[in-house]
Amino acid sequence: MNRYLSGGCGAYGVAVADAVLRGVTLDCADPRTLAGFYGALTGMRELFSSDEFVALTGGSGCDLGFQRVDGYRAPQWPGQDVPQQFHLDLRADDLDAAEALALELGAAKPDHQPGDGRWRVLLDPAGHPFCLTSS
């Protein structure tokens, strides 16, 4: 298994008129910590870093950013007391190995697991849900 996971952002060529998806930014309390987690999980490298914002790039044209928010509250999943706005889907050939890596890096696995084993829902160190899938 490739140690890193792929988000596949560049594979879709998402475009409307001249607008192309450039990146996704997650709110968090500590951008450097969350960027470290996703960098280790995906193999993306640091593009920019400050105390307020960190950007990772993987060369696909779709970057992943992390921005510090005062008073940040983690989304609650599957409940909606603090709703998630979106989640990331990461593709992996070996779901068991990908899950083990994510957990080793600081992810948590909630009890609620929809999808009949086709994907795994995990929570990143800041509490954002994300999915691992083989498809």
C-alpha atoms as a PDB file:
ATOM      1  CA  MET A   1       0.000   0.000   0.000  1.00  0.00           C
ATOM      2  CA  ASN A   2       1.139   3.504  -0.710  1.00  0.00           C
ATOM      3  CA  ARG A   3       1.724   5.039   2.722  1.00  0.00           C
ATOM      4  CA  TYR A   4      -0.114   8.188   1.677  1.00  0.00           C
ATOM      5  CA  LEU A   5      -3.764   8.628   0.850  1.00  0.00           C
ATOM      6  CA  SER A   6      -5.231  10.493  -2.091  1.00  0.00           C
ATOM      7  CA  GLY A   7      -8.070  12.967  -2.038  1.00  0.00           C
ATOM      8  CA  GLY A   8      -8.327  12.811  -5.826  1.00  0.00           C
ATOM      9  CA  CYS A   9      -9.184  16.494  -6.155  1.00  0.00           C
ATOM     10  CA  GLY A  10      -7.326  16.944  -9.431  1.00  0.00           C
ATOM     11  CA  ALA A  11      -8.902  13.874 -10.989  1.00  0.00           C
ATOM     12  CA  TYR A  12     -12.269  15.529 -11.434  1.00  0.00           C
ATOM     13  CA  GLY A  13     -11.148  18.770 -13.074  1.00  0.00           C
ATOM     14  CA  VAL A  14     -13.951  20.592 -11.281  1.00  0.00           C
ATOM     15  CA  ALA A  15     -14.693  23.702 -13.361  1.00  0.00           C
ATOM     16  CA  VAL A  16     -17.527  26.147 -13.906  1.00  0.00           C
ATOM     17  CA  ALA A  17     -16.796  28.802 -16.529  1.00  0.00           C
ATOM     18  CA  ASP A  18     -13.317  29.988 -15.505  1.00  0.00           C
ATOM     19  CA  ALA A  19     -13.651  28.923 -11.858  1.00  0.00           C
ATOM     20  CA  VAL A  20     -11.593  25.893 -10.816  1.00  0.00           C
ATOM     21  CA  LEU A  21     -11.464  24.406  -7.337  1.00  0.00           C
ATOM     22  CA  ARG A  22      -8.151  25.599  -5.887  1.00  0.00           C
ATOM     23  CA  GLY A  23      -8.361  24.305  -2.353  1.00  0.00           C
ATOM     24  CA  VAL A  24     -10.312  23.561   0.777  1.00  0.00           C
ATOM     25  CA  THR A  25      -9.678  25.213   4.151  1.00  0.00           C
ATOM     26  CA  LEU A  26     -10.605  23.735   7.526  1.00  0.00           C
ATOM     27  CA  ASP A  27     -11.180  25.882  10.608  1.00  0.00           C
ATOM     28  CA  CYS A  28      -9.306  24.757  13.714  1.00  0.00           C
ATOM     29  CA  ALA A  29      -7.668  25.948  16.933  1.00  0.00           C
ATOM     30  CA  ASP A  30      -4.112  24.976  15.900  1.00  0.00           C
ATOM     31  CA  PRO A  31      -3.305  25.083  12.160  1.00  0.00           C
ATOM     32  CA  ARG A  32       0.207  23.664  12.504  1.00  0.00           C
ATOM     33  CA  THR A  33      -0.961  20.574  14.398  1.00  0.00           C
ATOM     34  CA  LEU A  34      -3.801  19.813  11.985  1.00  0.00           C
ATOM     35  CA  ALA A  35      -1.568  20.432   8.948  1.00  0.00           C
ATOM     36  CA  GLY A  36       0.962  18.017  10.458  1.00  0.00           C
ATOM     37  CA  PHE A  37      -1.733  15.347  10.776  1.00  0.00           C
ATOM     38  CA  TYR A  38      -2.986  15.688   7.181  1.00  0.00           C
ATOM     39  CA  GLY A  39       0.541  16.088   5.794  1.00  0.00           C
ATOM     40  CA  ALA A  40       1.606  12.807   7.404  1.00  0.00           C
ATOM     41  CA  LEU A  41      -1.612  11.074   6.315  1.00  0.00           C
ATOM     42  CA  THR A  42      -1.612  12.222   2.666  1.00  0.00           C
ATOM     43  CA  GLY A  43       2.028  12.976   1.871  1.00  0.00           C
ATOM     44  CA  MET A  44       1.159  16.576   0.998  1.00  0.00           C
ATOM     45  CA  ARG A  45       3.915  19.088   1.729  1.00  0.00           C
ATOM     46  CA  GLU A  46       3.796  22.515   3.340  1.00  0.00           C
ATOM     47  CA  LEU A  47       3.285  25.362   0.884  1.00  0.00           C
ATOM     48  CA  PHE A  48       2.829  28.219   3.383  1.00  0.00           C
ATOM     49  CA  SER A  49       2.864  28.482   7.161  1.00  0.00           C
ATOM     50  CA  SER A  50       2.072  31.122   9.767  1.00  0.00           C
ATOM     51  CA  ASP A  51       0.513  31.101  13.225  1.00  0.00           C
ATOM     52  CA  GLU A  52      -2.862  31.845  11.618  1.00  0.00           C
ATOM     53  CA  PHE A  53      -2.833  29.680   8.477  1.00  0.00           C
ATOM     54  CA  VAL A  54      -1.012  26.686   6.986  1.00  0.00           C
ATOM     55  CA  ALA A  55      -1.413  25.414   3.407  1.00  0.00           C
ATOM     56  CA  LEU A  56      -0.445  21.971   2.120  1.00  0.00           C
ATOM     57  CA  THR A  57      -0.011  21.039  -1.528  1.00  0.00           C
ATOM     58  CA  GLY A  58       0.250  17.724  -3.279  1.00  0.00           C
ATOM     59  CA  GLY A  59       0.806  18.970  -6.793  1.00  0.00           C
ATOM     60  CA  SER A  60      -2.716  18.169  -8.024  1.00  0.00           C
ATOM     61  CA  GLY A  61      -3.708  21.836  -8.102  1.00  0.00           C
ATOM     62  CA  CYS A  62      -6.011  21.445  -5.114  1.00  0.00           C
ATOM     63  CA  ASP A  63      -4.440  22.561  -1.838  1.00  0.00           C
ATOM     64  CA  LEU A  64      -5.577  21.917   1.715  1.00  0.00           C
ATOM     65  CA  GLY A  65      -5.548  24.819   4.175  1.00  0.00           C
ATOM     66  CA  PHE A  66      -5.958  25.125   7.932  1.00  0.00           C
ATOM     67  CA  GLN A  67      -7.006  28.405   9.498  1.00  0.00           C
ATOM     68  CA  ARG A  68      -6.962  29.352  13.179  1.00  0.00           C
ATOM     69  CA  VAL A  69     -10.316  30.419  14.597  1.00  0.00           C
ATOM     70  CA  ASP A  70     -10.639  31.885  18.090  1.00  0.00           C
ATOM     71  CA  GLY A  71     -13.168  29.903  20.128  1.00  0.00           C
ATOM     72  CA  TYR A  72     -13.136  27.008  17.644  1.00  0.00           C
ATOM     73  CA  ARG A  73     -15.657  24.269  18.466  1.00  0.00           C
ATOM     74  CA  ALA A  74     -15.227  20.877  16.838  1.00  0.00           C
ATOM     75  CA  PRO A  75     -18.148  19.559  14.783  1.00  0.00           C
ATOM     76  CA  GLN A  76     -20.217  16.857  16.478  1.00  0.00           C
ATOM     77  CA  TRP A  77     -20.771  13.742  14.408  1.00  0.00           C
ATOM     78  CA  PRO A  78     -23.100  12.022  13.868  1.00  0.00           C
ATOM     79  CA  GLY A  79     -25.073  14.476  16.023  1.00  0.00           C
ATOM     80  CA  GLN A  80     -25.601  18.019  14.826  1.00  0.00           C
ATOM     81  CA  ASP A  81     -25.208  20.082  18.012  1.00  0.00           C
ATOM     82  CA  VAL A  82     -22.222  21.678  16.259  1.00  0.00           C
ATOM     83  CA  PRO A  83     -22.857  20.692  12.614  1.00  0.00           C
ATOM     84  CA  GLN A  84     -20.167  19.836  10.114  1.00  0.00           C
ATOM     85  CA  GLN A  85     -20.209  21.924   6.953  1.00  0.00           C
ATOM     86  CA  PHE A  86     -18.524  19.250   4.811  1.00  0.00           C
ATOM     87  CA  HIS A  87     -16.088  16.364   5.157  1.00  0.00           C
ATOM     88  CA  LEU A  88     -13.110  15.034   3.225  1.00  0.00           C
ATOM     89  CA  ASP A  89     -13.140  11.676   1.427  1.00  0.00           C
ATOM     90  CA  LEU A  90      -9.705  10.076   1.091  1.00  0.00           C
ATOM     91  CA  ARG A  91      -9.129   7.076  -1.182  1.00  0.00           C
ATOM     92  CA  ALA A  92      -6.936   4.156  -0.039  1.00  0.00           C
ATOM     93  CA  ASP A  93      -6.290   0.748  -1.583  1.00  0.00           C
ATOM     94  CA  ASP A  94      -6.052  -0.926   1.840  1.00  0.00           C
ATOM     95  CA  LEU A  95      -8.678   0.447   4.235  1.00  0.00           C
ATOM     96  CA  ASP A  96      -7.315  -1.437   7.251  1.00  0.00           C
ATOM     97  CA  ALA A  97      -3.792  -0.061   6.760  1.00  0.00           C
ATOM     98  CA  ALA A  98      -5.103   3.452   6.060  1.00  0.00           C
ATOM     99  CA  GLU A  99      -7.251   3.366   9.190  1.00  0.00           C
ATOM    100  CA  ALA A 100      -4.316   2.133  11.280  1.00  0.00           C
ATOM    101  CA  LEU A 101      -2.114   4.954   9.954  1.00  0.00           C
ATOM    102  CA  ALA A 102      -4.774   7.598  10.635  1.00  0.00           C
ATOM    103  CA  LEU A 103      -5.297   6.313  14.191  1.00  0.00           C
ATOM    104  CA  GLU A 104      -1.530   6.221  14.777  1.00  0.00           C
ATOM    105  CA  LEU A 105      -1.373   9.866  13.645  1.00  0.00           C
ATOM    106  CA  GLY A 106      -4.061  10.936  16.132  1.00  0.00           C
ATOM    107  CA  ALA A 107      -7.423  10.293  14.467  1.00  0.00           C
ATOM    108  CA  ALA A 108     -10.310   8.821  16.459  1.00  0.00           C
ATOM    109  CA  LYS A 109     -12.891   6.289  15.278  1.00  0.00           C
ATOM    110  CA  PRO A 110     -16.486   7.027  16.309  1.00  0.00           C
ATOM    111  CA  ASP A 111     -18.819   4.145  17.117  1.00  0.00           C
ATOM    112  CA  HIS A 112     -21.287   5.113  14.363  1.00  0.00           C
ATOM    113  CA  GLN A 113     -19.996   3.652  11.067  1.00  0.00           C
ATOM    114  CA  PRO A 114     -22.450   3.910   8.138  1.00  0.00           C
ATOM    115  CA  GLY A 115     -21.781   2.491   4.684  1.00  0.00           C
ATOM    116  CA  ASP A 116     -21.667  -1.280   5.168  1.00  0.00           C
ATOM    117  CA  GLY A 117     -17.855  -1.299   5.257  1.00  0.00           C
ATOM    118  CA  ARG A 118     -17.439   0.582   1.961  1.00  0.00           C
ATOM    119  CA  TRP A 119     -15.890   3.453   3.878  1.00  0.00           C
ATOM    120  CA  ARG A 120     -14.662   4.256   7.356  1.00  0.00           C
ATOM    121  CA  VAL A 121     -15.547   7.443   9.202  1.00  0.00           C
ATOM    122  CA  LEU A 122     -12.806   8.892  11.397  1.00  0.00           C
ATOM    123  CA  LEU A 123     -12.354  12.174  13.260  1.00  0.00           C
ATOM    124  CA  ASP A 124      -9.180  14.192  12.722  1.00  0.00           C
ATOM    125  CA  PRO A 125      -7.337  15.643  15.753  1.00  0.00           C
ATOM    126  CA  ALA A 126      -9.488  18.807  15.578  1.00  0.00           C
ATOM    127  CA  GLY A 127     -12.723  16.768  15.499  1.00  0.00           C
ATOM    128  CA  HIS A 128     -13.586  17.077  11.772  1.00  0.00           C
ATOM    129  CA  PRO A 129     -15.134  13.908  10.358  1.00  0.00           C
ATOM    130  CA  PHE A 130     -13.428  12.452   7.283  1.00  0.00           C
ATOM    131  CA  CYS A 131     -13.928   9.236   5.355  1.00  0.00           C
ATOM    132  CA  LEU A 132     -11.543   6.595   4.090  1.00  0.00           C
ATOM    133  CA  THR A 133     -12.830   4.726   1.045  1.00  0.00           C
ATOM    134  CA  SER A 134     -11.470   2.216  -1.425  1.00  0.00           C
ATOM    135  CA  SER A 135     -13.563   3.541  -4.317  1.00  0.00           C
END
